[in-house]
Amino acid sequence: MGFVARHGLRDAEAAAAAAEVLARAAREGVSLVRLAFPDQHGVLRGKAVTLPALPGAMEDGVSLTSTLLLKDTAHRTTVPVFSAGGGIGMRDVQGAADFVLVPDPATYRPLPWAPGTAWMLCDAYWPDGREVDFATRGLCRRVLGDLATAGYELVTGLEVEFHLTRLLDPKLAPEDAGQPGSPPEVALLTQGYQYLTEARLDQMQSILEVLQREVTALGLNLRSVEVEYGPSQVEFTFAPGVGLAPADAMVLFRSAVKQVARRHGHHASFMCRPRLPNVMSSGWHLHQSLRDAAGRNAFASTDGAPLSPLGLHWLGGLLAEAQAAAAFTTPTLNGYRRYRPMSLAPDRAVWGIDNRGVMLRVLGQPGSAVTHIENRVGEPAANPYLYLASQVVAGMAGLAARRDPGPSADAPYETAAPPLPTTLEAALAALETSAVFREGLGGDFVDYFLRLKRAEIARFNAEVSEWEQREYFDLF
């Protein structure tokens, strides 16, 4: 028996889907299949196997080095894995031992920009068949399972901003290598300050057409392509999806856009606020609602209120845990440069009805089947699985406590309310003391996540910045 059968990792339906994947790959002339898993940062990692090796990979999985679970955003291992317990008190990672990726056949799809290549998302297991607790896709699935036990499904829609530039110099000279390497040199495609201007959209149309075509060919439910406010800034939005599917779509979308753009001489960045002149920050707005067992929108009110009582309690939970959740919605040091007053980005935990200055914007007429909450706090570099999981954990805590969100904020930058963290360090401090997230995600996961992100902060603090050099080198 293979690893999958030995540990009972697929039911009959999934086993049939796996068999169909093998037949389909052969039928479609696929020669290489990329087996990917989203790491703790939402970055796809994995191996590519040939078609003859695919049956073995489907039955036995593929082995990867467990240090991939311990990397920071510079791909540096953050703990001494050759120490006892792998430097983190886990024998599973000691000595850089292996873990196993098991492909999810439901995610199989050919890559339209890479002929003969297909792609599958994978789930992570230890060699004894235990699920890797820190693997974020599995963590999100478990949290969504808790929501399902309560009788609801999460419905989310993606609204993603990013910067699309022309690649001038990829910085591939030997001296540009490093951890991290030198960022590429790019040129703008538009001058900016252009929000929804058709002429500026036309300036970018040649590369946007390519991205639209490939994203649509992947089966992602693309709804709109727009030019955003800042220089070379664009926004793609997607139709709502249920459960884990929107998170899967987001990791594939980001990876696809970067790959396709690079193949066509462009550079796509989901960094929140790139260091470019006159730049505008990019956000990831997550539209969300709950669907009950009968398929009805559980946020739709029946009494003329903007949200149902359940929706208001969910809203209250998101507000109450906003500071701790920021570690997941805005997990980079750079993302906190976006939280500025009067900037179309939130700076405090408030809600409002169709107001773009609040953190949580309620949309839809009272009683409407499309009533939902738009969380405007996230950055496009967030791990999608942790972003979604954070909303469910906070929202369910709001339901359990019957949280009252208070009145709508009509002047969001003047309303007295808890401020959002201004640094990643402050967000991690709030997460560390959050009983809600320790219960909802597990204390071990929270401690693991804190350790990874604090290692990132320590590296940042050890660097001498350009600001320091400019400020002090000549003065003192």
Protein backbone atom coordinates (compact mmCIF):
# COMPACT_ATOMS: atom_id res chain seq x y z
CA MET A 1 0.00 0.00 0.00
CA GLY A 2 1.17 3.51 -0.78
CA PHE A 3 1.48 6.33 1.75
CA VAL A 4 -1.95 7.75 0.88
CA ALA A 5 -3.81 4.44 1.18
CA ARG A 6 -1.86 3.33 4.24
CA HIS A 7 -2.92 6.41 6.17
CA GLY A 8 -6.43 6.71 4.69
CA LEU A 9 -5.85 10.18 3.24
CA ARG A 10 -8.38 9.90 0.39
CA ASP A 11 -11.97 8.73 0.41
CA ALA A 12 -13.52 6.91 -2.56
CA GLU A 13 -14.47 10.17 -4.30
CA ALA A 14 -10.98 11.61 -3.97
CA ALA A 15 -9.44 8.32 -5.11
CA ALA A 16 -11.60 8.40 -8.25
CA ALA A 17 -10.54 12.02 -8.83
CA ALA A 18 -6.88 11.00 -8.50
CA ALA A 19 -7.35 8.28 -11.12
CA GLU A 20 -9.02 10.78 -13.45
CA VAL A 21 -6.06 13.16 -13.02
CA LEU A 22 -3.67 10.46 -14.21
CA ALA A 23 -5.85 9.72 -17.24
CA ARG A 24 -6.36 13.39 -18.03
CA ALA A 25 -2.65 14.24 -17.79
CA ALA A 26 -1.83 11.47 -20.27
CA ARG A 27 -4.70 12.45 -22.54
CA GLU A 28 -3.67 16.13 -22.61
CA GLY A 29 -0.03 15.44 -23.35
CA VAL A 30 1.26 16.75 -20.04
CA SER A 31 4.95 15.99 -19.50
CA LEU A 32 5.56 17.82 -16.21
CA VAL A 33 3.36 18.42 -13.16
CA ARG A 34 4.21 21.05 -10.58
CA LEU A 35 3.27 19.87 -7.09
CA ALA A 36 3.06 22.96 -4.87
CA PHE A 37 2.17 23.79 -1.31
CA PRO A 38 1.63 27.25 0.17
CA ASP A 39 4.21 27.88 2.88
CA GLN A 40 3.68 29.97 6.00
CA HIS A 41 3.92 33.17 3.93
CA GLY A 42 1.56 31.96 1.21
CA VAL A 43 4.47 31.47 -1.20
CA LEU A 44 4.19 28.36 -3.38
CA ARG A 45 6.99 25.82 -3.00
CA GLY A 46 7.27 22.24 -4.17
CA LYS A 47 8.64 19.89 -6.82
CA ALA A 48 7.91 19.19 -10.47
CA VAL A 49 7.53 15.52 -11.46
CA THR A 50 7.46 13.96 -14.90
CA LEU A 51 4.41 12.16 -16.21
CA PRO A 52 5.92 8.67 -15.59
CA ALA A 53 6.59 9.68 -11.98
CA LEU A 54 3.11 11.10 -11.41
CA PRO A 55 1.36 7.83 -10.38
CA GLY A 56 3.95 7.27 -7.67
CA ALA A 57 3.60 10.86 -6.48
CA MET A 58 -0.19 10.48 -6.29
CA GLU A 59 0.08 7.30 -4.20
CA ASP A 60 3.16 8.01 -2.06
CA GLY A 61 3.42 11.78 -2.14
CA VAL A 62 6.75 13.55 -2.58
CA SER A 63 9.26 14.33 0.16
CA LEU A 64 10.40 17.86 0.96
CA THR A 65 12.85 19.23 3.50
CA SER A 66 11.07 20.34 6.66
CA THR A 67 13.13 23.55 6.80
CA LEU A 68 10.67 24.86 4.21
CA LEU A 69 8.24 25.19 7.14
CA LEU A 70 10.75 27.38 8.99
CA LYS A 71 11.77 29.96 6.39
CA ASP A 72 11.42 33.71 6.63
CA THR A 73 10.71 35.91 3.62
CA ALA A 74 14.41 35.90 2.63
CA HIS A 75 14.26 32.07 2.45
CA ARG A 76 16.46 31.83 5.54
CA THR A 77 15.84 29.06 8.07
CA THR A 78 14.94 30.82 11.31
CA VAL A 79 15.86 28.09 13.84
CA PRO A 80 18.93 25.86 14.42
CA VAL A 81 17.45 22.66 12.96
CA PHE A 82 20.55 20.60 13.73
CA SER A 83 20.09 21.17 17.47
CA ALA A 84 18.02 18.86 19.66
CA GLY A 85 14.36 19.20 18.79
CA GLY A 86 15.27 21.12 15.65
CA GLY A 87 15.75 24.27 17.72
CA ILE A 88 11.99 24.58 18.10
CA GLY A 89 11.19 21.62 20.36
CA MET A 90 9.98 19.40 17.48
CA ARG A 91 11.73 16.15 16.65
CA ASP A 92 9.86 16.15 13.32
CA VAL A 93 12.14 18.88 11.96
CA GLN A 94 15.35 17.88 13.71
CA GLY A 95 18.23 17.48 11.29
CA ALA A 96 16.19 18.99 8.43
CA ALA A 97 14.15 15.78 8.19
CA ASP A 98 11.52 15.29 5.49
CA PHE A 99 7.81 15.82 5.37
CA VAL A 100 5.47 14.56 2.65
CA LEU A 101 3.36 16.46 0.12
CA VAL A 102 0.17 14.71 -0.98
CA PRO A 103 -1.41 16.15 -4.16
CA ASP A 104 -5.03 17.28 -4.00
CA PRO A 105 -6.55 16.00 -7.28
CA ALA A 106 -9.40 18.52 -7.09
CA THR A 107 -6.89 21.32 -7.77
CA TYR A 108 -5.38 19.85 -10.95
CA ARG A 109 -5.23 22.21 -13.92
CA PRO A 110 -2.98 22.71 -16.96
CA LEU A 111 -0.96 25.92 -17.00
CA PRO A 112 -1.91 27.76 -20.21
CA TRP A 113 1.32 29.77 -20.35
CA ALA A 114 3.54 26.68 -19.91
CA PRO A 115 2.62 24.09 -22.60
CA GLY A 116 2.87 20.51 -21.40
CA THR A 117 2.83 21.57 -17.75
CA ALA A 118 0.09 21.07 -15.17
CA TRP A 119 -0.21 22.10 -11.54
CA MET A 120 -1.65 20.72 -8.32
CA LEU A 121 -1.86 22.03 -4.80
CA CYS A 122 -0.72 19.65 -2.07
CA ASP A 123 -1.32 19.07 1.62
CA ALA A 124 1.51 18.40 4.05
CA TYR A 125 1.95 15.35 6.28
CA TRP A 126 4.67 13.94 8.51
CA PRO A 127 6.09 10.54 7.49
CA ASP A 128 3.87 8.78 10.06
CA GLY A 129 0.71 10.15 8.39
CA ARG A 130 -0.02 13.01 10.80
CA GLU A 131 -1.06 16.25 9.16
CA VAL A 132 1.53 19.00 9.58
CA ASP A 133 -0.14 21.26 12.13
CA PHE A 134 1.68 24.35 10.85
CA ALA A 135 0.70 23.89 7.20
CA THR A 136 -1.59 26.83 6.58
CA ARG A 137 -3.90 25.23 3.99
CA GLY A 138 -4.77 22.44 6.38
CA LEU A 139 -5.15 24.92 9.23
CA CYS A 140 -7.64 26.97 7.22
CA ARG A 141 -9.56 23.83 6.30
CA ARG A 142 -9.86 22.89 9.97
CA VAL A 143 -11.12 26.35 10.91
CA LEU A 144 -13.68 26.24 8.10
CA GLY A 145 -14.71 22.83 9.45
CA ASP A 146 -15.45 24.43 12.82
CA LEU A 147 -17.65 26.95 11.02
CA ALA A 148 -19.42 24.13 9.16
CA THR A 149 -20.10 22.40 12.48
CA ALA A 150 -21.88 25.58 13.53
CA GLY A 151 -24.03 25.31 10.39
CA TYR A 152 -22.44 27.88 8.07
CA GLU A 153 -20.18 28.23 5.04
CA LEU A 154 -17.87 31.18 4.43
CA VAL A 155 -18.45 33.05 1.17
CA THR A 156 -15.63 35.38 0.12
CA GLY A 157 -14.82 37.57 -2.86
CA LEU A 158 -11.35 38.87 -3.73
CA GLU A 159 -10.47 42.44 -4.67
CA VAL A 160 -6.71 42.61 -5.20
CA GLU A 161 -4.49 45.56 -6.04
CA PHE A 162 -0.89 45.23 -7.27
CA HIS A 163 1.80 47.04 -9.22
CA LEU A 164 2.54 46.06 -12.81
CA THR A 165 5.74 47.49 -14.32
CA ARG A 166 8.05 46.91 -17.29
CA LEU A 167 11.19 44.95 -16.47
CA LEU A 168 14.39 46.85 -17.32
CA ASP A 169 17.03 44.84 -15.49
CA PRO A 170 16.26 41.55 -13.72
CA LYS A 171 19.47 41.94 -11.65
CA LEU A 172 20.87 38.51 -12.43
CA ALA A 173 24.54 39.41 -12.25
CA PRO A 174 26.47 37.28 -9.73
CA GLU A 175 26.87 40.22 -7.37
CA ASP A 176 23.07 40.58 -7.25
CA ALA A 177 22.60 37.18 -5.62
CA GLY A 178 21.88 36.98 -1.90
CA GLN A 179 19.25 36.39 0.77
CA PRO A 180 17.39 38.32 -0.48
CA GLY A 181 18.90 39.26 -3.82
CA SER A 182 18.78 42.65 -5.49
CA PRO A 183 15.26 43.68 -6.55
CA PRO A 184 14.76 44.19 -10.29
CA GLU A 185 14.94 47.58 -11.96
CA VAL A 186 11.60 48.52 -13.50
CA ALA A 187 9.86 51.29 -15.44
CA LEU A 188 6.31 52.52 -14.97
CA LEU A 189 3.53 51.70 -17.42
CA THR A 190 1.47 54.76 -16.42
CA GLN A 191 2.16 58.00 -14.57
CA GLY A 192 -0.59 57.39 -12.06
CA TYR A 193 -3.29 59.48 -10.39
CA GLN A 194 -5.48 57.78 -12.94
CA TYR A 195 -8.30 56.05 -11.06
CA LEU A 196 -10.51 54.22 -13.60
CA THR A 197 -9.27 56.41 -16.46
CA GLU A 198 -9.96 54.61 -19.73
CA ALA A 199 -6.99 56.12 -21.58
CA ARG A 200 -4.61 54.85 -18.89
CA LEU A 201 -6.25 51.44 -19.03
CA ASP A 202 -5.56 51.39 -22.76
CA GLN A 203 -1.87 52.17 -22.11
CA MET A 204 -1.62 48.93 -20.15
CA GLN A 205 -4.01 46.92 -22.29
CA SER A 206 -1.40 44.84 -24.11
CA ILE A 207 -0.07 43.18 -20.95
CA LEU A 208 -3.44 43.24 -19.18
CA GLU A 209 -4.97 41.29 -22.09
CA VAL A 210 -2.34 38.61 -21.63
CA LEU A 211 -2.95 38.39 -17.89
CA GLN A 212 -6.73 38.34 -18.37
CA ARG A 213 -6.46 35.54 -20.91
CA GLU A 214 -4.22 33.33 -18.80
CA VAL A 215 -6.07 33.91 -15.53
CA THR A 216 -9.38 33.11 -17.23
CA ALA A 217 -7.91 30.00 -18.86
CA LEU A 218 -6.95 28.77 -15.39
CA GLY A 219 -10.64 28.71 -14.48
CA LEU A 220 -10.45 31.59 -12.00
CA ASN A 221 -13.69 33.60 -11.90
CA LEU A 222 -12.26 36.95 -12.95
CA ARG A 223 -14.87 39.71 -12.77
CA SER A 224 -13.06 42.95 -13.58
CA VAL A 225 -9.71 44.45 -14.59
CA GLU A 226 -9.18 48.06 -13.52
CA VAL A 227 -6.51 50.73 -13.34
CA GLU A 228 -6.07 51.86 -9.74
CA TYR A 229 -5.10 55.29 -8.45
CA GLY A 230 -1.31 55.11 -8.31
CA PRO A 231 1.41 54.81 -10.97
CA SER A 232 1.40 51.38 -12.64
CA GLN A 233 -1.20 50.16 -10.14
CA VAL A 234 -4.01 47.83 -11.19
CA GLU A 235 -6.81 45.89 -9.54
CA PHE A 236 -8.34 42.51 -10.38
CA THR A 237 -11.58 41.40 -8.74
CA PHE A 238 -13.14 37.95 -8.61
CA ALA A 239 -16.63 36.53 -8.17
CA PRO A 240 -17.43 35.15 -4.70
CA GLY A 241 -16.43 31.59 -3.84
CA VAL A 242 -17.14 29.21 -0.98
CA GLY A 243 -14.87 27.75 1.67
CA LEU A 244 -11.25 27.06 0.82
CA ALA A 245 -11.59 27.75 -2.92
CA PRO A 246 -10.96 31.54 -2.81
CA ALA A 247 -7.73 31.02 -0.84
CA ASP A 248 -6.57 28.44 -3.39
CA ALA A 249 -7.52 30.88 -6.15
CA MET A 250 -5.50 33.69 -4.55
CA VAL A 251 -2.24 31.74 -4.28
CA LEU A 252 -2.63 30.56 -7.87
CA PHE A 253 -3.54 34.05 -9.08
CA ARG A 254 -0.50 35.69 -7.50
CA SER A 255 1.84 33.03 -8.79
CA ALA A 256 0.30 33.07 -12.28
CA VAL A 257 0.45 36.86 -12.60
CA LYS A 258 4.11 36.99 -11.59
CA GLN A 259 5.07 34.15 -13.94
CA VAL A 260 3.12 35.41 -16.95
CA ALA A 261 4.24 39.01 -16.47
CA ARG A 262 7.89 37.93 -16.31
CA ARG A 263 7.58 35.86 -19.49
CA HIS A 264 6.35 39.00 -21.26
CA GLY A 265 9.06 41.35 -20.00
CA HIS A 266 7.09 42.78 -17.09
CA HIS A 267 7.26 42.61 -13.33
CA ALA A 268 4.26 42.17 -11.04
CA SER A 269 4.58 42.93 -7.34
CA PHE A 270 2.03 42.30 -4.60
CA MET A 271 4.18 44.19 -2.11
CA CYS A 272 1.94 46.66 -0.34
CA ARG A 273 3.97 49.85 -0.79
CA PRO A 274 6.95 49.51 -3.18
CA ARG A 275 9.75 52.04 -2.90
CA LEU A 276 8.84 53.87 -6.10
CA PRO A 277 8.36 57.65 -6.48
CA ASN A 278 4.76 58.83 -6.02
CA VAL A 279 3.61 55.30 -5.24
CA MET A 280 0.22 54.42 -3.76
CA SER A 281 -0.22 51.52 -1.36
CA SER A 282 -2.01 48.39 -2.55
CA GLY A 283 -4.68 46.62 -0.53
CA TRP A 284 -6.50 43.32 -0.59
CA HIS A 285 -10.14 43.83 0.30
CA LEU A 286 -11.84 40.63 1.42
CA HIS A 287 -15.62 40.57 0.88
CA GLN A 288 -17.30 38.06 3.18
CA SER A 289 -20.64 36.66 4.27
CA LEU A 290 -22.01 33.42 5.69
CA ARG A 291 -24.34 30.97 3.97
CA ASP A 292 -26.64 28.82 6.10
CA ALA A 293 -27.60 25.17 5.55
CA ALA A 294 -30.52 26.23 3.34
CA GLY A 295 -28.21 28.26 1.07
CA ARG A 296 -29.45 31.64 2.36
CA ASN A 297 -27.24 34.62 3.11
CA ALA A 298 -27.11 34.65 6.92
CA PHE A 299 -26.02 38.32 6.94
CA ALA A 300 -29.18 39.57 5.20
CA SER A 301 -31.55 41.30 7.61
CA THR A 302 -35.31 40.95 7.76
CA ASP A 303 -36.05 44.08 9.78
CA GLY A 304 -34.51 46.92 7.75
CA ALA A 305 -31.20 46.85 9.63
CA PRO A 306 -27.96 46.87 7.59
CA LEU A 307 -27.11 43.35 8.82
CA SER A 308 -28.92 40.49 10.52
CA PRO A 309 -28.22 40.01 14.26
CA LEU A 310 -25.81 37.22 13.30
CA GLY A 311 -24.05 39.52 10.85
CA LEU A 312 -23.73 42.23 13.49
CA HIS A 313 -22.21 39.77 15.97
CA TRP A 314 -19.75 38.59 13.32
CA LEU A 315 -18.90 42.24 12.62
CA GLY A 316 -18.37 42.79 16.35
CA GLY A 317 -15.97 39.86 16.48
CA LEU A 318 -13.90 41.21 13.59
CA LEU A 319 -13.65 44.58 15.34
CA ALA A 320 -12.78 43.12 18.74
CA GLU A 321 -9.91 41.04 17.33
CA ALA A 322 -8.72 43.52 14.70
CA GLN A 323 -5.40 44.26 16.37
CA ALA A 324 -4.41 40.61 16.80
CA ALA A 325 -5.78 39.63 13.37
CA ALA A 326 -3.54 42.28 11.76
CA ALA A 327 -0.64 39.84 12.12
CA PHE A 328 -2.42 37.67 9.53
CA THR A 329 -4.14 40.30 7.38
CA THR A 330 -0.98 42.44 7.22
CA PRO A 331 1.96 40.12 7.86
CA THR A 332 4.83 42.19 6.41
CA LEU A 333 6.77 45.10 7.85
CA ASN A 334 5.96 47.07 4.72
CA GLY A 335 2.19 46.59 4.98
CA TYR A 336 1.86 48.92 7.97
CA ARG A 337 2.95 51.88 5.88
CA ARG A 338 -0.52 51.73 4.32
CA TYR A 339 -2.53 52.55 7.47
CA ARG A 340 -2.82 56.32 7.07
CA PRO A 341 -5.71 58.66 7.84
CA MET A 342 -7.67 60.11 4.93
CA SER A 343 -5.99 57.64 2.59
CA LEU A 344 -8.73 55.20 1.54
CA ALA A 345 -7.10 52.77 3.97
CA PRO A 346 -8.25 52.28 7.57
CA ASP A 347 -6.26 53.37 10.60
CA ARG A 348 -8.65 52.21 13.34
CA ALA A 349 -11.14 49.42 14.04
CA VAL A 350 -14.46 50.94 12.93
CA TRP A 351 -17.29 49.93 10.63
CA GLY A 352 -19.63 51.89 8.41
CA ILE A 353 -22.29 51.56 5.75
CA ASP A 354 -20.78 51.97 2.27
CA ASN A 355 -17.88 54.07 3.58
CA ARG A 356 -14.41 53.54 2.10
CA GLY A 357 -12.60 55.04 5.08
CA VAL A 358 -13.64 52.34 7.56
CA MET A 359 -12.00 49.02 8.25
CA LEU A 360 -15.25 47.08 7.77
CA ARG A 361 -17.59 48.38 5.08
CA VAL A 362 -21.13 46.96 5.05
CA LEU A 363 -22.58 46.64 1.55
CA GLY A 364 -26.04 45.73 0.26
CA GLN A 365 -29.48 47.08 0.95
CA PRO A 366 -31.31 45.83 4.06
CA GLY A 367 -32.66 42.36 3.34
CA SER A 368 -30.65 41.97 0.14
CA ALA A 369 -29.33 38.51 -0.71
CA VAL A 370 -25.95 40.07 -1.58
CA THR A 371 -25.45 41.80 1.77
CA HIS A 372 -21.88 41.34 2.96
CA ILE A 373 -18.94 42.86 4.82
CA GLU A 374 -15.87 44.18 3.01
CA ASN A 375 -12.75 44.03 5.18
CA ARG A 376 -10.42 46.70 3.82
CA VAL A 377 -7.54 46.03 6.19
CA GLY A 378 -5.55 43.37 4.32
CA GLU A 379 -2.44 43.66 2.17
CA PRO A 380 -2.07 41.68 -1.08
CA ALA A 381 1.01 39.86 0.25
CA ALA A 382 -1.00 38.17 3.02
CA ASN A 383 -1.13 34.38 3.21
CA PRO A 384 -4.70 33.76 1.92
CA TYR A 385 -5.28 30.78 4.20
CA LEU A 386 -4.36 32.74 7.32
CA TYR A 387 -6.34 35.79 6.17
CA LEU A 388 -9.49 33.69 5.74
CA ALA A 389 -8.87 31.71 8.93
CA SER A 390 -8.41 34.91 10.93
CA GLN A 391 -11.81 36.17 9.78
CA VAL A 392 -13.52 32.93 10.77
CA VAL A 393 -11.85 32.72 14.18
CA ALA A 394 -12.65 36.35 15.02
CA GLY A 395 -16.15 36.19 13.55
CA MET A 396 -17.07 32.99 15.40
CA ALA A 397 -15.81 34.51 18.65
CA GLY A 398 -18.14 37.42 17.95
CA LEU A 399 -21.05 35.02 17.47
CA ALA A 400 -20.25 33.16 20.68
CA ALA A 401 -20.02 36.38 22.70
CA ARG A 402 -22.92 38.07 20.84
CA ARG A 403 -20.63 41.03 20.25
CA ASP A 404 -22.22 44.42 19.65
CA PRO A 405 -20.21 46.34 17.03
CA GLY A 406 -21.60 49.68 18.19
CA PRO A 407 -22.84 52.43 15.88
CA SER A 408 -21.71 53.00 12.32
CA ALA A 409 -18.80 55.44 11.96
CA ASP A 410 -19.78 58.18 9.54
CA ALA A 411 -16.46 60.03 10.05
CA PRO A 412 -14.06 57.07 10.29
CA TYR A 413 -10.85 59.05 10.77
CA GLU A 414 -12.38 61.09 13.59
CA THR A 415 -14.32 58.39 15.45
CA ALA A 416 -12.89 57.32 18.80
CA ALA A 417 -11.94 53.65 18.32
CA PRO A 418 -9.03 51.29 18.97
CA PRO A 419 -6.23 52.11 16.51
CA LEU A 420 -4.88 49.46 14.20
CA PRO A 421 -1.27 48.47 14.92
CA THR A 422 1.24 50.79 13.29
CA THR A 423 3.97 48.15 13.10
CA LEU A 424 4.21 44.41 12.60
CA GLU A 425 5.85 44.21 16.01
CA ALA A 426 2.76 45.72 17.65
CA ALA A 427 0.48 43.34 15.75
CA LEU A 428 2.50 40.34 16.93
CA ALA A 429 2.31 41.57 20.53
CA ALA A 430 -1.49 41.73 20.22
CA LEU A 431 -1.58 38.25 18.70
CA GLU A 432 0.60 36.82 21.46
CA THR A 433 -1.92 37.77 24.14
CA SER A 434 -5.08 36.93 22.17
CA ALA A 435 -6.99 34.14 23.87
CA VAL A 436 -9.34 34.01 20.87
CA PHE A 437 -6.60 33.18 18.38
CA ARG A 438 -4.80 30.82 20.72
CA GLU A 439 -8.02 28.87 21.07
CA GLY A 440 -9.07 29.13 17.42
CA LEU A 441 -5.73 28.40 15.75
CA GLY A 442 -3.94 26.58 18.56
CA GLY A 443 -1.33 28.01 20.92
CA ASP A 444 1.46 26.02 19.26
CA PHE A 445 0.68 27.53 15.87
CA VAL A 446 0.52 31.06 17.29
CA ASP A 447 3.92 30.61 18.99
CA TYR A 448 5.38 29.15 15.79
CA PHE A 449 4.09 32.06 13.70
CA LEU A 450 5.38 34.61 16.22
CA ARG A 451 8.83 33.07 16.12
CA LEU A 452 9.04 33.21 12.33
CA LYS A 453 7.87 36.79 12.04
CA ARG A 454 10.02 38.03 14.92
CA ALA A 455 13.06 36.56 13.21
CA GLU A 456 12.11 38.69 10.20
CA ILE A 457 11.84 41.79 12.37
CA ALA A 458 15.21 41.05 13.99
CA ARG A 459 16.86 40.95 10.56
CA PHE A 460 15.21 44.24 9.65
CA ASN A 461 16.39 45.90 12.86
CA ALA A 462 19.96 44.70 12.27
CA GLU A 463 20.18 46.47 8.90
CA VAL A 464 21.49 50.02 8.53
CA SER A 465 18.81 51.77 6.49
CA GLU A 466 19.26 54.44 3.86
CA TRP A 467 17.37 56.81 6.17
CA GLU A 468 19.94 56.31 8.95
CA GLN A 469 22.84 56.83 6.57
CA ARG A 470 21.30 60.02 5.21
CA GLU A 471 20.32 61.30 8.65
CA TYR A 472 23.47 60.68 10.71
CA PHE A 473 26.54 59.99 8.53
CA ASP A 474 27.36 63.61 7.81
CA LEU A 475 25.75 65.22 10.86
CA PHE A 476 27.72 63.40 13.53
